[in-house]
Each structure stands twice: as structure tokens, then as C-alpha cells.
PDB file of N, CA and C in Angstrom:
ATOM      1  N   UNK A   1      13.933  14.319  -4.549  1.00  0.00           N
ATOM      2  CA  UNK A   1      13.386  13.629  -5.693  1.00  0.00           C
ATOM      3  C   UNK A   1      12.489  14.611  -6.433  1.00  0.00           C
ATOM      4  N   UNK A   2      12.861  14.927  -7.671  1.00  0.00           N
ATOM      5  CA  UNK A   2      12.062  15.896  -8.385  1.00  0.00           C
ATOM      6  C   UNK A   2      11.775  15.529  -9.827  1.00  0.00           C
ATOM      7  N   UNK A   3      12.216  14.379 -10.281  1.00  0.00           N
ATOM      8  CA  UNK A   3      11.927  13.942 -11.648  1.00  0.00           C
ATOM      9  C   UNK A   3      11.240  12.595 -11.630  1.00  0.00           C
ATOM     10  N   UNK A   4      10.327  12.395 -12.566  1.00  0.00           N
ATOM     11  CA  UNK A   4       9.692  11.105 -12.729  1.00  0.00           C
ATOM     12  C   UNK A   4      10.369  10.376 -13.885  1.00  0.00           C
ATOM     13  N   UNK A   5      10.034   9.109 -14.094  1.00  0.00           N
ATOM     14  CA  UNK A   5      10.557   8.361 -15.222  1.00  0.00           C
ATOM     15  C   UNK A   5      11.871   7.654 -14.930  1.00  0.00           C
ATOM     16  N   UNK A   6      12.225   7.472 -13.703  1.00  0.00           N
ATOM     17  CA  UNK A   6      13.403   6.713 -13.350  1.00  0.00           C
ATOM     18  C   UNK A   6      12.992   5.633 -12.357  1.00  0.00           C
ATOM     19  N   UNK A   7      13.945   4.817 -11.925  1.00  0.00           N
ATOM     20  CA  UNK A   7      13.613   3.733 -11.006  1.00  0.00           C
ATOM     21  C   UNK A   7      14.274   3.944  -9.652  1.00  0.00           C
ATOM     22  N   UNK A   8      13.646   3.354  -8.649  1.00  0.00           N
ATOM     23  CA  UNK A   8      14.164   3.322  -7.279  1.00  0.00           C
ATOM     24  C   UNK A   8      14.250   1.874  -6.852  1.00  0.00           C
ATOM     25  N   UNK A   9      15.174   1.561  -5.998  1.00  0.00           N
ATOM     26  CA  UNK A   9      15.291   0.225  -5.441  1.00  0.00           C
ATOM     27  C   UNK A   9      14.804   0.281  -3.997  1.00  0.00           C
ATOM     28  N   UNK A  10      13.677  -0.381  -3.723  1.00  0.00           N
ATOM     29  CA  UNK A  10      13.094  -0.421  -2.386  1.00  0.00           C
ATOM     30  C   UNK A  10      13.445  -1.750  -1.726  1.00  0.00           C
ATOM     31  N   UNK A  11      13.486  -1.751  -0.409  1.00  0.00           N
ATOM     32  CA  UNK A  11      13.698  -2.976   0.355  1.00  0.00           C
ATOM     33  C   UNK A  11      12.470  -3.197   1.224  1.00  0.00           C
ATOM     34  N   UNK A  12      11.822  -4.372   1.100  1.00  0.00           N
ATOM     35  CA  UNK A  12      10.619  -4.641   1.881  1.00  0.00           C
ATOM     36  C   UNK A  12      10.976  -5.167   3.270  1.00  0.00           C
ATOM     37  N   UNK A  13       9.940  -5.509   4.051  1.00  0.00           N
ATOM     38  CA  UNK A  13      10.134  -5.943   5.431  1.00  0.00           C
ATOM     39  C   UNK A  13      10.971  -7.212   5.549  1.00  0.00           C
ATOM     40  N   UNK A  14      10.952  -8.066   4.527  1.00  0.00           N
ATOM     41  CA  UNK A  14      11.716  -9.314   4.551  1.00  0.00           C
ATOM     42  C   UNK A  14      13.132  -9.140   4.020  1.00  0.00           C
ATOM     43  N   UNK A  15      13.483  -7.918   3.606  1.00  0.00           N
ATOM     44  CA  UNK A  15      14.815  -7.659   3.079  1.00  0.00           C
ATOM     45  C   UNK A  15      14.941  -7.872   1.583  1.00  0.00           C
ATOM     46  N   UNK A  16      13.838  -8.191   0.909  1.00  0.00           N
ATOM     47  CA  UNK A  16      13.865  -8.367  -0.545  1.00  0.00           C
ATOM     48  C   UNK A  16      13.866  -7.010  -1.234  1.00  0.00           C
ATOM     49  N   UNK A  17      14.629  -6.914  -2.313  1.00  0.00           N
ATOM     50  CA  UNK A  17      14.686  -5.676  -3.066  1.00  0.00           C
ATOM     51  C   UNK A  17      13.652  -5.677  -4.183  1.00  0.00           C
ATOM     52  N   UNK A  18      13.024  -4.528  -4.386  1.00  0.00           N
ATOM     53  CA  UNK A  18      12.006  -4.366  -5.415  1.00  0.00           C
ATOM     54  C   UNK A  18      12.373  -3.125  -6.223  1.00  0.00           C
ATOM     55  N   UNK A  19      12.631  -3.305  -7.515  1.00  0.00           N
ATOM     56  CA  UNK A  19      12.907  -2.158  -8.377  1.00  0.00           C
ATOM     57  C   UNK A  19      11.575  -1.597  -8.853  1.00  0.00           C
ATOM     58  N   UNK A  20      11.404  -0.285  -8.697  1.00  0.00           N
ATOM     59  CA  UNK A  20      10.142   0.362  -9.047  1.00  0.00           C
ATOM     60  C   UNK A  20      10.393   1.568  -9.941  1.00  0.00           C
ATOM     61  N   UNK A  21       9.517   1.725 -10.919  1.00  0.00           N
ATOM     62  CA  UNK A  21       9.535   2.920 -11.759  1.00  0.00           C
ATOM     63  C   UNK A  21       8.742   4.016 -11.060  1.00  0.00           C
ATOM     64  N   UNK A  22       9.291   5.221 -11.051  1.00  0.00           N
ATOM     65  CA  UNK A  22       8.590   6.367 -10.486  1.00  0.00           C
ATOM     66  C   UNK A  22       7.614   6.870 -11.539  1.00  0.00           C
ATOM     67  N   UNK A  23       6.314   6.775 -11.245  1.00  0.00           N
ATOM     68  CA  UNK A  23       5.287   7.217 -12.185  1.00  0.00           C
ATOM     69  C   UNK A  23       4.964   8.690 -12.034  1.00  0.00           C
ATOM     70  N   UNK A  24       4.946   9.184 -10.786  1.00  0.00           N
ATOM     71  CA  UNK A  24       4.541  10.575 -10.569  1.00  0.00           C
ATOM     72  C   UNK A  24       4.793  10.968  -9.126  1.00  0.00           C
ATOM     73  N   UNK A  25       4.805  12.273  -8.900  1.00  0.00           N
ATOM     74  CA  UNK A  25       4.781  12.841  -7.553  1.00  0.00           C
ATOM     75  C   UNK A  25       3.474  13.579  -7.414  1.00  0.00           C
ATOM     76  N   UNK A  26       2.836  13.427  -6.274  1.00  0.00           N
ATOM     77  CA  UNK A  26       1.542  14.038  -6.006  1.00  0.00           C
ATOM     78  C   UNK A  26       1.666  14.893  -4.752  1.00  0.00           C
ATOM     79  N   UNK A  27       1.155  16.104  -4.827  1.00  0.00           N
ATOM     80  CA  UNK A  27       1.083  16.991  -3.659  1.00  0.00           C
ATOM     81  C   UNK A  27      -0.363  17.000  -3.189  1.00  0.00           C
ATOM     82  N   UNK A  28      -0.577  16.745  -1.908  1.00  0.00           N
ATOM     83  CA  UNK A  28      -1.923  16.718  -1.357  1.00  0.00           C
ATOM     84  C   UNK A  28      -1.869  17.142   0.103  1.00  0.00           C
ATOM     85  N   UNK A  29      -2.670  18.124   0.455  1.00  0.00           N
ATOM     86  CA  UNK A  29      -2.787  18.591   1.844  1.00  0.00           C
ATOM     87  C   UNK A  29      -1.427  18.917   2.465  1.00  0.00           C
ATOM     88  N   UNK A  30      -0.542  19.527   1.674  1.00  0.00           N
ATOM     89  CA  UNK A  30       0.755  19.934   2.190  1.00  0.00           C
ATOM     90  C   UNK A  30       1.788  18.823   2.297  1.00  0.00           C
ATOM     91  N   UNK A  31       1.464  17.638   1.814  1.00  0.00           N
ATOM     92  CA  UNK A  31       2.399  16.513   1.843  1.00  0.00           C
ATOM     93  C   UNK A  31       2.718  16.070   0.425  1.00  0.00           C
ATOM     94  N   UNK A  32       3.891  15.453   0.263  1.00  0.00           N
ATOM     95  CA  UNK A  32       4.317  14.916  -1.030  1.00  0.00           C
ATOM     96  C   UNK A  32       4.229  13.399  -0.999  1.00  0.00           C
ATOM     97  N   UNK A  33       3.777  12.845  -2.102  1.00  0.00           N
ATOM     98  CA  UNK A  33       3.656  11.398  -2.239  1.00  0.00           C
ATOM     99  C   UNK A  33       4.284  10.976  -3.559  1.00  0.00           C
ATOM    100  N   UNK A  34       4.840   9.771  -3.593  1.00  0.00           N
ATOM    101  CA  UNK A  34       5.447   9.225  -4.796  1.00  0.00           C
ATOM    102  C   UNK A  34       4.642   7.990  -5.187  1.00  0.00           C
ATOM    103  N   UNK A  35       4.266   7.926  -6.476  1.00  0.00           N
ATOM    104  CA  UNK A  35       3.535   6.779  -6.995  1.00  0.00           C
ATOM    105  C   UNK A  35       4.525   5.932  -7.797  1.00  0.00           C
ATOM    106  N   UNK A  36       4.659   4.676  -7.395  1.00  0.00           N
ATOM    107  CA  UNK A  36       5.638   3.769  -7.981  1.00  0.00           C
ATOM    108  C   UNK A  36       4.952   2.545  -8.570  1.00  0.00           C
ATOM    109  N   UNK A  37       5.626   1.920  -9.533  1.00  0.00           N
ATOM    110  CA  UNK A  37       5.138   0.672 -10.108  1.00  0.00           C
ATOM    111  C   UNK A  37       6.302  -0.306 -10.168  1.00  0.00           C
ATOM    112  N   UNK A  38       6.158  -1.492  -9.533  1.00  0.00           N
ATOM    113  CA  UNK A  38       7.240  -2.477  -9.595  1.00  0.00           C
ATOM    114  C   UNK A  38       7.567  -2.844 -11.045  1.00  0.00           C
ATOM    115  N   UNK A  39       8.853  -2.812 -11.388  1.00  0.00           N
ATOM    116  CA  UNK A  39       9.301  -3.077 -12.751  1.00  0.00           C
ATOM    117  C   UNK A  39       9.051  -4.525 -13.142  1.00  0.00           C
ATOM    118  N   UNK A  40       9.276  -5.460 -12.243  1.00  0.00           N
ATOM    119  CA  UNK A  40       9.172  -6.883 -12.565  1.00  0.00           C
ATOM    120  C   UNK A  40       7.776  -7.461 -12.371  1.00  0.00           C
ATOM    121  N   UNK A  41       6.770  -6.611 -12.164  1.00  0.00           N
ATOM    122  CA  UNK A  41       5.397  -7.097 -11.971  1.00  0.00           C
ATOM    123  C   UNK A  41       4.776  -7.337 -13.338  1.00  0.00           C
ATOM    124  N   UNK A  42       4.655  -8.602 -13.712  1.00  0.00           N
ATOM    125  CA  UNK A  42       4.101  -8.927 -15.026  1.00  0.00           C
ATOM    126  C   UNK A  42       2.656  -9.422 -14.933  1.00  0.00           C
ATOM    127  N   UNK A  43       1.995  -9.119 -13.816  1.00  0.00           N
ATOM    128  CA  UNK A  43       0.600  -9.522 -13.665  1.00  0.00           C
ATOM    129  C   UNK A  43      -0.284  -8.679 -14.577  1.00  0.00           C
ATOM    130  N   UNK A  44      -1.490  -9.145 -14.826  1.00  0.00           N
ATOM    131  CA  UNK A  44      -2.405  -8.425 -15.716  1.00  0.00           C
ATOM    132  C   UNK A  44      -2.938  -7.152 -15.058  1.00  0.00           C
ATOM    133  N   UNK A  45      -2.903  -7.079 -13.731  1.00  0.00           N
ATOM    134  CA  UNK A  45      -3.347  -5.886 -13.001  1.00  0.00           C
ATOM    135  C   UNK A  45      -2.317  -5.527 -11.936  1.00  0.00           C
ATOM    136  N   UNK A  46      -1.202  -4.910 -12.364  1.00  0.00           N
ATOM    137  CA  UNK A  46      -0.172  -4.555 -11.384  1.00  0.00           C
ATOM    138  C   UNK A  46      -0.681  -3.512 -10.394  1.00  0.00           C
ATOM    139  N   UNK A  47      -0.142  -3.545  -9.186  1.00  0.00           N
ATOM    140  CA  UNK A  47      -0.552  -2.608  -8.141  1.00  0.00           C
ATOM    141  C   UNK A  47       0.507  -1.545  -7.934  1.00  0.00           C
ATOM    142  N   UNK A  48       0.053  -0.300  -7.915  1.00  0.00           N
ATOM    143  CA  UNK A  48       0.951   0.814  -7.645  1.00  0.00           C
ATOM    144  C   UNK A  48       1.308   0.836  -6.163  1.00  0.00           C
ATOM    145  N   UNK A  49       2.468   1.370  -5.872  1.00  0.00           N
ATOM    146  CA  UNK A  49       2.922   1.588  -4.501  1.00  0.00           C
ATOM    147  C   UNK A  49       2.932   3.092  -4.278  1.00  0.00           C
ATOM    148  N   UNK A  50       2.323   3.536  -3.193  1.00  0.00           N
ATOM    149  CA  UNK A  50       2.291   4.961  -2.873  1.00  0.00           C
ATOM    150  C   UNK A  50       2.998   5.161  -1.543  1.00  0.00           C
ATOM    151  N   UNK A  51       4.011   6.031  -1.564  1.00  0.00           N
ATOM    152  CA  UNK A  51       4.786   6.319  -0.369  1.00  0.00           C
ATOM    153  C   UNK A  51       4.784   7.824  -0.112  1.00  0.00           C
ATOM    154  N   UNK A  52       4.867   8.202   1.162  1.00  0.00           N
ATOM    155  CA  UNK A  52       4.986   9.613   1.541  1.00  0.00           C
ATOM    156  C   UNK A  52       6.463   9.987   1.472  1.00  0.00           C
ATOM    157  N   UNK A  53       6.727  11.183   0.931  1.00  0.00           N
ATOM    158  CA  UNK A  53       8.093  11.694   0.854  1.00  0.00           C
ATOM    159  C   UNK A  53       8.239  12.866   1.822  1.00  0.00           C
ATOM    160  N   UNK A  54       9.212  12.777   2.735  1.00  0.00           N
ATOM    161  CA  UNK A  54       9.404  13.888   3.676  1.00  0.00           C
ATOM    162  C   UNK A  54      10.348  14.933   3.069  1.00  0.00           C
ATOM    163  N   UNK A  55      10.593  16.000   3.800  1.00  0.00           N
ATOM    164  CA  UNK A  55      11.382  17.125   3.296  1.00  0.00           C
ATOM    165  C   UNK A  55      12.810  16.726   2.925  1.00  0.00           C
ATOM    166  N   UNK A  56      13.343  15.695   3.556  1.00  0.00           N
ATOM    167  CA  UNK A  56      14.707  15.261   3.250  1.00  0.00           C
ATOM    168  C   UNK A  56      14.755  14.220   2.139  1.00  0.00           C
ATOM    169  N   UNK A  57      13.579  13.850   1.596  1.00  0.00           N
ATOM    170  CA  UNK A  57      13.533  12.878   0.503  1.00  0.00           C
ATOM    171  C   UNK A  57      13.359  11.448   0.944  1.00  0.00           C
ATOM    172  N   UNK A  58      13.251  11.213   2.262  1.00  0.00           N
ATOM    173  CA  UNK A  58      13.025   9.854   2.755  1.00  0.00           C
ATOM    174  C   UNK A  58      11.586   9.442   2.462  1.00  0.00           C
ATOM    175  N   UNK A  59      11.400   8.167   2.147  1.00  0.00           N
ATOM    176  CA  UNK A  59      10.082   7.632   1.813  1.00  0.00           C
ATOM    177  C   UNK A  59       9.584   6.734   2.930  1.00  0.00           C
ATOM    178  N   UNK A  60       8.272   6.795   3.182  1.00  0.00           N
ATOM    179  CA  UNK A  60       7.661   5.927   4.190  1.00  0.00           C
ATOM    180  C   UNK A  60       6.288   5.481   3.705  1.00  0.00           C
ATOM    181  N   UNK A  61       5.867   4.328   4.190  1.00  0.00           N
ATOM    182  CA  UNK A  61       4.577   3.773   3.808  1.00  0.00           C
ATOM    183  C   UNK A  61       3.419   4.509   4.458  1.00  0.00           C
ATOM    184  N   UNK A  62       2.230   4.254   3.940  1.00  0.00           N
ATOM    185  CA  UNK A  62       1.002   4.852   4.466  1.00  0.00           C
ATOM    186  C   UNK A  62       0.118   3.754   5.026  1.00  0.00           C
ATOM    187  N   UNK A  63      -0.500   4.030   6.157  1.00  0.00           N
ATOM    188  CA  UNK A  63      -1.423   3.080   6.774  1.00  0.00           C
ATOM    189  C   UNK A  63      -2.875   3.491   6.546  1.00  0.00           C
ATOM    190  N   UNK A  64      -3.103   4.748   6.239  1.00  0.00           N
ATOM    191  CA  UNK A  64      -4.448   5.311   6.114  1.00  0.00           C
ATOM    192  C   UNK A  64      -5.033   4.997   4.728  1.00  0.00           C
ATOM    193  N   UNK A  65      -5.987   4.065   4.678  1.00  0.00           N
ATOM    194  CA  UNK A  65      -6.586   3.644   3.411  1.00  0.00           C
ATOM    195  C   UNK A  65      -7.296   4.792   2.697  1.00  0.00           C
ATOM    196  N   UNK A  66      -7.941   5.671   3.452  1.00  0.00           N
ATOM    197  CA  UNK A  66      -8.617   6.809   2.834  1.00  0.00           C
ATOM    198  C   UNK A  66      -7.625   7.742   2.158  1.00  0.00           C
ATOM    199  N   UNK A  67      -6.499   7.988   2.806  1.00  0.00           N
ATOM    200  CA  UNK A  67      -5.464   8.840   2.223  1.00  0.00           C
ATOM    201  C   UNK A  67      -4.882   8.193   0.976  1.00  0.00           C
ATOM    202  N   UNK A  68      -4.625   6.894   1.032  1.00  0.00           N
ATOM    203  CA  UNK A  68      -4.143   6.171  -0.155  1.00  0.00           C
ATOM    204  C   UNK A  68      -5.119   6.332  -1.317  1.00  0.00           C
ATOM    205  N   UNK A  69      -6.408   6.167  -1.042  1.00  0.00           N
ATOM    206  CA  UNK A  69      -7.426   6.306  -2.084  1.00  0.00           C
ATOM    207  C   UNK A  69      -7.437   7.712  -2.668  1.00  0.00           C
ATOM    208  N   UNK A  70      -7.294   8.722  -1.813  1.00  0.00           N
ATOM    209  CA  UNK A  70      -7.303  10.112  -2.284  1.00  0.00           C
ATOM    210  C   UNK A  70      -6.093  10.406  -3.156  1.00  0.00           C
ATOM    211  N   UNK A  71      -4.921   9.937  -2.730  1.00  0.00           N
ATOM    212  CA  UNK A  71      -3.704  10.158  -3.513  1.00  0.00           C
ATOM    213  C   UNK A  71      -3.808   9.443  -4.853  1.00  0.00           C
ATOM    214  N   UNK A  72      -4.290   8.203  -4.850  1.00  0.00           N
ATOM    215  CA  UNK A  72      -4.397   7.446  -6.103  1.00  0.00           C
ATOM    216  C   UNK A  72      -5.429   8.083  -7.035  1.00  0.00           C
ATOM    217  N   UNK A  73      -6.547   8.560  -6.496  1.00  0.00           N
ATOM    218  CA  UNK A  73      -7.554   9.231  -7.321  1.00  0.00           C
ATOM    219  C   UNK A  73      -6.972  10.490  -7.955  1.00  0.00           C
ATOM    220  N   UNK A  74      -6.180  11.245  -7.208  1.00  0.00           N
ATOM    221  CA  UNK A  74      -5.542  12.442  -7.749  1.00  0.00           C
ATOM    222  C   UNK A  74      -4.525  12.071  -8.827  1.00  0.00           C
ATOM    223  N   UNK A  75      -3.778  10.992  -8.605  1.00  0.00           N
ATOM    224  CA  UNK A  75      -2.837  10.497  -9.613  1.00  0.00           C
ATOM    225  C   UNK A  75      -3.580  10.155 -10.907  1.00  0.00           C
ATOM    226  N   UNK A  76      -4.690   9.421 -10.793  1.00  0.00           N
ATOM    227  CA  UNK A  76      -5.463   9.051 -11.974  1.00  0.00           C
ATOM    228  C   UNK A  76      -5.982  10.285 -12.714  1.00  0.00           C
ATOM    229  N   UNK A  77      -6.519  11.237 -11.969  1.00  0.00           N
ATOM    230  CA  UNK A  77      -7.053  12.457 -12.558  1.00  0.00           C
ATOM    231  C   UNK A  77      -5.947  13.262 -13.246  1.00  0.00           C
ATOM    232  N   UNK A  78      -4.825  13.437 -12.560  1.00  0.00           N
ATOM    233  CA  UNK A  78      -3.700  14.214 -13.074  1.00  0.00           C
ATOM    234  C   UNK A  78      -3.144  13.630 -14.359  1.00  0.00           C
ATOM    235  N   UNK A  79      -3.193  12.312 -14.481  1.00  0.00           N
ATOM    236  CA  UNK A  79      -2.612  11.627 -15.634  1.00  0.00           C
ATOM    237  C   UNK A  79      -3.647  11.210 -16.682  1.00  0.00           C
ATOM    238  N   UNK A  80      -4.875  11.746 -16.554  1.00  0.00           N
ATOM    239  CA  UNK A  80      -5.885  11.540 -17.587  1.00  0.00           C
ATOM    240  C   UNK A  80      -6.551  10.178 -17.614  1.00  0.00           C
ATOM    241  N   UNK A  81      -6.510   9.451 -16.502  1.00  0.00           N
ATOM    242  CA  UNK A  81      -7.133   8.140 -16.463  1.00  0.00           C
ATOM    243  C   UNK A  81      -8.579   8.191 -16.019  1.00  0.00           C
ATOM    244  N   UNK A  82      -9.062   9.327 -15.540  1.00  0.00           N
ATOM    245  CA  UNK A  82     -10.463   9.483 -15.100  1.00  0.00           C
ATOM    246  C   UNK A  82     -11.210  10.352 -16.087  1.00  0.00           C
ATOM    247  N   UNK A  83     -11.473   9.853 -17.236  1.00  0.00           N
ATOM    248  CA  UNK A  83     -12.205  10.645 -18.241  1.00  0.00           C
ATOM    249  C   UNK A  83     -13.662  10.274 -18.260  1.00  0.00           C
TER     250      UNK A  83
END
């Protein structure tokens, strides 16, 4: 995965499919992360999904809240949201 601006179809724990737009890729501490936004989320404050990307392109969730916060802060900074 090397381009942003396209969508991925994720499957959650219950087997439901979620289409997500790829917002960005973030490199942090030698790891790659993908920041996604559900396409069908019409709430006033949609929540981004952050997944770790391994060398083969497989995505996995993160359990570490501090790491999630660091990746999201870097995403905000990189995209000019922390002015």
C-alpha cells in the first residue's frame, strides 16, 4: 500500500464490512500505520481508524492507547491540523 486517497473494505469482528477512505500513511519508530476514515460515517465527529501495516501489507489493530495517540498526533501535524 503506497498511495492515499482510495478506499479499503475492512471486516470487523462480527463479520460486517466497513468501507474506509485511506487518509494517510504514517511512519513512526520503524513501523508503518494507515489512517482510515469510514466512508458511511455521517456523524458530526467521525472517528479515524488507525491500523499497523506489516511488510507484506497486512493490516492489524492496535491495543496500545499511547501509540494510537502518538500516531494520530503525527497525522494531525503532518496534515496541518495542529496550527
